[in-house]
Amino acid sequence: MRYMCDFGPTQFEEVRRAIAYIVDRDEINKQLTGGYGTVVDCYATDATADFAAIKDDIESELIHYSYDLDKAKNEIYSFITADNE
């Protein structure tokens, strides 16, 4: 999922993280591909040229967001209670 992050609600990191937590990517994979697809955390994958050379660097910085409604709520609550001017 890609976002236009220079305006609107998705300009805020907390909102983007909340969205990441409420999207059940594993369930989407199961429903759309019968579980034969693969959930990835970035555009670079084993199918990408030269991925093996940078795989460790990329994977050490990625966050795998699993479905977690409570974490999504906490992100939004943190955002609306913080001073976000």
C-alpha atoms as a PDB file:
ATOM      1  CA  MET A   1       0.000   0.000   0.000  1.00  0.00           C
ATOM      2  CA  ARG A   2       1.384   3.401  -0.935  1.00  0.00           C
ATOM      3  CA  TYR A   3       0.426   6.761   0.505  1.00  0.00           C
ATOM      4  CA  MET A   4       0.679  10.355  -0.619  1.00  0.00           C
ATOM      5  CA  CYS A   5       2.387  11.603   2.534  1.00  0.00           C
ATOM      6  CA  ASP A   6       2.635  15.317   1.885  1.00  0.00           C
ATOM      7  CA  PHE A   7      -0.999  16.205   2.717  1.00  0.00           C
ATOM      8  CA  GLY A   8      -4.081  14.851   4.453  1.00  0.00           C
ATOM      9  CA  PRO A   9      -4.129  12.373   7.323  1.00  0.00           C
ATOM     10  CA  THR A  10      -1.373  10.168   5.914  1.00  0.00           C
ATOM     11  CA  GLN A  11       1.151  12.973   6.300  1.00  0.00           C
ATOM     12  CA  PHE A  12       1.328  11.901   9.952  1.00  0.00           C
ATOM     13  CA  GLU A  13       3.472   8.883  10.795  1.00  0.00           C
ATOM     14  CA  GLU A  14       1.115   7.742  13.560  1.00  0.00           C
ATOM     15  CA  VAL A  15      -1.781   7.559  11.108  1.00  0.00           C
ATOM     16  CA  ARG A  16       0.280   5.531   8.646  1.00  0.00           C
ATOM     17  CA  ARG A  17       1.318   3.133  11.430  1.00  0.00           C
ATOM     18  CA  ALA A  18      -2.312   2.794  12.567  1.00  0.00           C
ATOM     19  CA  ILE A  19      -3.338   1.883   9.017  1.00  0.00           C
ATOM     20  CA  ALA A  20      -0.523  -0.664   8.884  1.00  0.00           C
ATOM     21  CA  TYR A  21      -1.840  -2.294  12.063  1.00  0.00           C
ATOM     22  CA  ILE A  22      -5.469  -2.487  10.903  1.00  0.00           C
ATOM     23  CA  VAL A  23      -4.731  -4.063   7.517  1.00  0.00           C
ATOM     24  CA  ASP A  24      -4.698  -7.835   8.002  1.00  0.00           C
ATOM     25  CA  ARG A  25      -2.234  -8.635   5.231  1.00  0.00           C
ATOM     26  CA  ASP A  26      -2.136 -12.336   6.059  1.00  0.00           C
ATOM     27  CA  GLU A  27      -5.929 -12.593   5.768  1.00  0.00           C
ATOM     28  CA  ILE A  28      -5.899 -10.637   2.500  1.00  0.00           C
ATOM     29  CA  ASN A  29      -3.280 -13.044   1.159  1.00  0.00           C
ATOM     30  CA  LYS A  30      -5.358 -16.013   2.295  1.00  0.00           C
ATOM     31  CA  GLN A  31      -8.574 -14.686   0.737  1.00  0.00           C
ATOM     32  CA  LEU A  32      -7.082 -13.453  -2.549  1.00  0.00           C
ATOM     33  CA  THR A  33      -4.535 -16.164  -3.287  1.00  0.00           C
ATOM     34  CA  GLY A  34      -5.699 -19.072  -1.161  1.00  0.00           C
ATOM     35  CA  GLY A  35      -2.501 -18.630   0.830  1.00  0.00           C
ATOM     36  CA  TYR A  36      -0.248 -19.185  -2.173  1.00  0.00           C
ATOM     37  CA  GLY A  37       0.901 -15.567  -2.214  1.00  0.00           C
ATOM     38  CA  THR A  38       3.611 -14.046  -0.062  1.00  0.00           C
ATOM     39  CA  VAL A  39       3.252 -11.069   2.258  1.00  0.00           C
ATOM     40  CA  VAL A  40       6.220  -8.724   1.898  1.00  0.00           C
ATOM     41  CA  ASP A  41       7.332  -5.665   3.852  1.00  0.00           C
ATOM     42  CA  CYS A  42       8.935  -3.746   0.976  1.00  0.00           C
ATOM     43  CA  TYR A  43       9.166  -3.665  -2.795  1.00  0.00           C
ATOM     44  CA  ALA A  44      12.485  -5.520  -2.860  1.00  0.00           C
ATOM     45  CA  THR A  45      12.041  -9.299  -2.726  1.00  0.00           C
ATOM     46  CA  ASP A  46      13.913 -12.437  -3.696  1.00  0.00           C
ATOM     47  CA  ALA A  47      12.514 -11.871  -7.203  1.00  0.00           C
ATOM     48  CA  THR A  48      14.240  -8.455  -7.403  1.00  0.00           C
ATOM     49  CA  ALA A  49      17.606  -8.275  -9.147  1.00  0.00           C
ATOM     50  CA  ASP A  50      20.537  -7.956  -6.716  1.00  0.00           C
ATOM     51  CA  PHE A  51      18.276  -8.365  -3.676  1.00  0.00           C
ATOM     52  CA  ALA A  52      20.544 -11.004  -2.118  1.00  0.00           C
ATOM     53  CA  ALA A  53      23.368  -8.454  -1.856  1.00  0.00           C
ATOM     54  CA  ILE A  54      21.291  -6.003   0.194  1.00  0.00           C
ATOM     55  CA  LYS A  55      18.803  -8.346   1.865  1.00  0.00           C
ATOM     56  CA  ASP A  56      20.367  -8.255   5.349  1.00  0.00           C
ATOM     57  CA  ASP A  57      20.629  -4.454   5.349  1.00  0.00           C
ATOM     58  CA  ILE A  58      17.021  -4.011   4.247  1.00  0.00           C
ATOM     59  CA  GLU A  59      15.492  -6.641   6.519  1.00  0.00           C
ATOM     60  CA  SER A  60      17.254  -5.314   9.618  1.00  0.00           C
ATOM     61  CA  GLU A  61      15.451  -1.980   9.182  1.00  0.00           C
ATOM     62  CA  LEU A  62      11.969  -3.229   8.247  1.00  0.00           C
ATOM     63  CA  ILE A  63       9.047  -3.392  10.635  1.00  0.00           C
ATOM     64  CA  HIS A  64       6.569  -6.193  10.045  1.00  0.00           C
ATOM     65  CA  TYR A  65       3.156  -4.875  11.012  1.00  0.00           C
ATOM     66  CA  SER A  66       0.753  -7.623  12.007  1.00  0.00           C
ATOM     67  CA  TYR A  67      -2.957  -7.045  12.468  1.00  0.00           C
ATOM     68  CA  ASP A  68      -3.409  -5.470  15.896  1.00  0.00           C
ATOM     69  CA  LEU A  69      -6.448  -3.253  16.470  1.00  0.00           C
ATOM     70  CA  ASP A  70      -5.278  -2.208  19.945  1.00  0.00           C
ATOM     71  CA  LYS A  71      -1.942  -0.952  18.603  1.00  0.00           C
ATOM     72  CA  ALA A  72      -3.795   0.954  15.869  1.00  0.00           C
ATOM     73  CA  LYS A  73      -6.027   2.597  18.481  1.00  0.00           C
ATOM     74  CA  ASN A  74      -2.977   3.479  20.593  1.00  0.00           C
ATOM     75  CA  GLU A  75      -1.276   5.113  17.601  1.00  0.00           C
ATOM     76  CA  ILE A  76      -4.319   7.276  16.915  1.00  0.00           C
ATOM     77  CA  TYR A  77      -4.793   8.115  20.588  1.00  0.00           C
ATOM     78  CA  SER A  78      -1.115   9.095  20.898  1.00  0.00           C
ATOM     79  CA  PHE A  79      -1.484  11.287  17.852  1.00  0.00           C
ATOM     80  CA  ILE A  80      -4.616  13.127  18.945  1.00  0.00           C
ATOM     81  CA  THR A  81      -3.317  13.711  22.471  1.00  0.00           C
ATOM     82  CA  ALA A  82       0.092  14.984  21.337  1.00  0.00           C
ATOM     83  CA  ASP A  83       0.858  18.550  20.311  1.00  0.00           C
ATOM     84  CA  ASN A  84       0.893  18.110  16.507  1.00  0.00           C
ATOM     85  CA  GLU A  85       1.108  21.645  15.219  1.00  0.00           C
END
